[in-house]
Each structure stands twice: as C-alpha cells, then as structure tokens.
Protein backbone atom coordinates (compact mmCIF):
# COMPACT_ATOMS: atom_id res chain seq x y z
CA MET A 1 41.94 45.57 2.56
CA SER A 2 39.50 48.42 2.47
CA ILE A 3 40.37 51.98 3.39
CA GLU A 4 38.24 51.65 6.53
CA GLU A 5 40.11 48.47 7.56
CA ASN A 6 43.46 50.21 7.01
CA VAL A 7 42.36 53.10 9.25
CA GLN A 8 41.26 50.64 11.95
CA ILE A 9 44.65 48.90 11.83
CA VAL A 10 46.42 52.26 12.24
CA LYS A 11 44.09 53.24 15.10
CA ALA A 12 44.87 49.92 16.80
CA PHE A 13 48.60 50.60 16.25
CA PHE A 14 48.34 53.99 17.99
CA ALA A 15 46.26 52.50 20.81
CA ALA A 16 49.02 49.92 21.36
CA ILE A 17 51.62 52.71 21.41
CA GLY A 18 49.53 54.53 24.02
CA ARG A 19 49.37 51.41 26.20
CA GLY A 20 53.04 50.57 25.67
CA ASP A 21 51.93 47.19 24.31
CA GLU A 22 54.98 46.07 22.35
CA GLN A 23 53.53 42.62 21.63
CA ARG A 24 50.44 44.13 19.97
CA LEU A 25 52.64 46.54 17.97
CA LEU A 26 54.61 43.57 16.64
CA GLU A 27 51.37 41.76 15.76
CA LEU A 28 50.16 44.79 13.80
CA SER A 29 53.52 45.29 12.01
CA ALA A 30 54.86 43.60 8.92
CA GLU A 31 57.98 41.50 9.47
CA ASP A 32 59.88 43.96 7.25
CA ILE A 33 58.37 47.18 8.65
CA GLU A 34 60.37 50.32 7.91
CA TRP A 35 60.10 53.30 10.29
CA ILE A 36 61.79 56.54 9.24
CA ILE A 37 62.37 59.45 11.61
CA PRO A 38 64.22 62.36 9.98
CA GLY A 39 66.92 64.35 11.70
CA ASP A 40 70.53 64.39 12.85
CA ASN A 41 72.10 64.21 16.29
CA TRP A 42 68.90 62.82 17.77
CA PRO A 43 68.80 59.30 19.22
CA LEU A 44 65.46 58.52 17.58
CA ALA A 45 66.45 59.73 14.11
CA GLY A 46 67.16 57.25 11.39
CA THR A 47 65.60 54.32 9.57
CA ARG A 48 64.74 51.16 11.44
CA ARG A 49 63.72 47.95 9.73
CA GLY A 50 61.99 44.79 10.82
CA HIS A 51 60.68 43.75 14.19
CA ALA A 52 64.18 44.08 15.67
CA GLY A 53 64.35 47.68 14.44
CA LEU A 54 60.90 48.39 15.90
CA ALA A 55 61.95 46.93 19.25
CA ASP A 56 65.14 49.05 19.15
CA LEU A 57 63.13 52.19 18.43
CA LEU A 58 60.74 51.50 21.31
CA GLN A 59 63.67 50.86 23.68
CA THR A 60 65.51 54.01 22.58
CA GLN A 61 62.31 56.04 22.91
CA SER A 62 61.71 54.78 26.46
CA GLU A 63 65.28 55.71 27.43
CA THR A 64 65.24 59.22 25.93
CA VAL A 65 61.69 60.62 25.99
CA GLU A 66 58.84 60.69 28.48
CA THR A 67 55.68 61.35 26.53
CA SER A 68 52.79 62.68 28.59
CA LEU A 69 50.42 62.90 25.62
CA THR A 70 50.35 61.40 22.15
CA GLN A 71 47.10 62.32 20.52
CA PRO A 72 46.25 61.26 16.98
CA ASN A 73 43.55 63.75 15.99
CA GLU A 74 42.80 63.02 12.36
CA PHE A 75 43.09 60.05 10.02
CA VAL A 76 43.12 60.72 6.28
CA ALA A 77 43.22 57.64 4.07
CA GLN A 78 43.48 56.76 0.42
CA GLY A 79 44.27 53.28 -0.84
CA ASP A 80 46.91 51.68 1.36
CA ARG A 81 48.08 55.01 2.84
CA VAL A 82 46.86 56.51 6.09
CA MET A 83 48.02 59.95 7.17
CA VAL A 84 47.69 60.58 10.87
CA ILE A 85 47.77 64.16 12.12
CA GLY A 86 48.40 64.60 15.79
CA PHE A 87 50.00 66.30 18.73
CA ALA A 88 52.43 65.18 21.43
CA LYS A 89 53.78 66.62 24.66
CA GLY A 90 56.61 65.31 26.69
CA ARG A 91 60.00 65.72 28.27
CA ILE A 92 63.50 64.83 27.13
CA ILE A 93 64.94 62.71 29.94
CA ALA A 94 68.58 63.87 29.53
CA THR A 95 67.77 67.58 29.79
CA GLY A 96 64.48 67.64 31.69
CA ARG A 97 63.18 70.10 29.08
CA THR A 98 59.63 69.80 27.80
CA PHE A 99 58.38 69.92 24.24
CA GLU A 100 55.17 70.22 22.27
CA ASP A 101 55.12 68.61 18.85
CA ASP A 102 52.58 68.81 16.05
CA TRP A 103 53.22 65.80 13.83
CA VAL A 104 52.09 63.82 10.81
CA PHE A 105 52.75 60.13 10.28
CA ALA A 106 52.52 58.79 6.74
CA ILE A 107 51.70 55.11 7.17
CA THR A 108 51.43 52.35 4.59
CA VAL A 109 49.30 49.31 5.38
CA GLN A 110 49.81 46.17 3.29
CA ASN A 111 48.13 42.80 3.81
CA GLY A 112 46.60 43.98 7.08
CA LYS A 113 49.92 45.07 8.62
CA VAL A 114 51.69 48.40 9.09
CA SER A 115 54.58 48.15 6.63
CA LYS A 116 56.05 51.65 6.52
CA ILE A 117 55.98 54.75 8.71
CA ARG A 118 57.54 58.09 7.97
CA GLU A 119 57.26 60.71 10.67
CA TYR A 120 57.04 64.41 9.96
CA ILE A 121 57.76 66.00 13.32
CA ASP A 122 58.68 69.38 14.74
CA THR A 123 62.41 68.74 14.76
CA GLN A 124 63.14 72.26 16.04
CA ALA A 125 60.96 71.77 19.13
CA LEU A 126 62.68 68.47 19.85
CA ALA A 127 66.14 69.96 19.21
CA ARG A 128 65.41 72.79 21.66
CA ALA A 129 64.25 70.33 24.30
CA SER A 130 67.28 68.09 23.66
CA GLY A 131 69.73 70.97 23.83
CA THR A 132 71.03 70.20 20.32
CA GLU A 133 69.65 73.26 18.54
CA LYS A 134 72.49 75.34 17.11
CA SER A 135 72.50 79.04 17.85
CA ALA A 136 71.76 81.30 14.92
CA LYS A 137 74.82 83.16 13.60
CA ARG A 138 74.52 86.92 13.56
C-alpha cells in the first residue's frame, strides 16, 4: 500500500471512531490488531489484542469516558507508519470531571488494515479527571 492509502485508512478509522461505528472499525482492523494504552490504575490502560480486544476497549471506553471532541489534526506518514497528532476533550463518567488531552497515536497499517496502535496521551490530565492522581509529597 502507498503512504497515501495508509493515511486514508487511518482517516477512515478515526471517522468510524467519531461515528461510533464499531462494525467499520472492525472492517478496518487486522484480525490480530494490537492497541496499547500506557498507564496504571486506569480502566483503559493496557494492551488489547484482536477484534475481541478492540470490542472490549470500545465497551470500556463507553462506560468510563464521555468524549465531546476527538480531533485528529495532523497525519504524518512514512512507510507503513502513520502518526496522528490530535486533541480530545471529555468527561470521566465516574467523577464528572472534565479533561483536555493532547495526544499522538502511532499507527501501523499492514495489508490495508490497522494492525497496531500505541497511544501517547496526557496521562496526568486523565489521572486528575479520574481522581487517581497521587498528591505530591512535600
């Protein structure tokens, strides 16, 4: 696949996320997709694999976070890698606290499918909104 085709696949993936179109996300994802979200003590953190892992992530996300805006602003591609730079706003359902998150997704596209995603997110903003941020010791 060309770099331009890889970018279009990733754009379609984000459009499906924005619409909440799980079926389209599965169509755009490799059977063995791996999605990594760093962090501890956060329901979305961890590594999920395969379509079952993707479905679990989407379910967990819908139960824990209300996102009012997910905006991919820039797509930078080389070979089979597409870096997406964006911004999100939302609210943690359990606490009612809002967050703003500048993020980068490092995405690998293989054979026309999203095969790997690693998120680089503002874990401190999400920890504050979740109420899991530890107080600094003085």
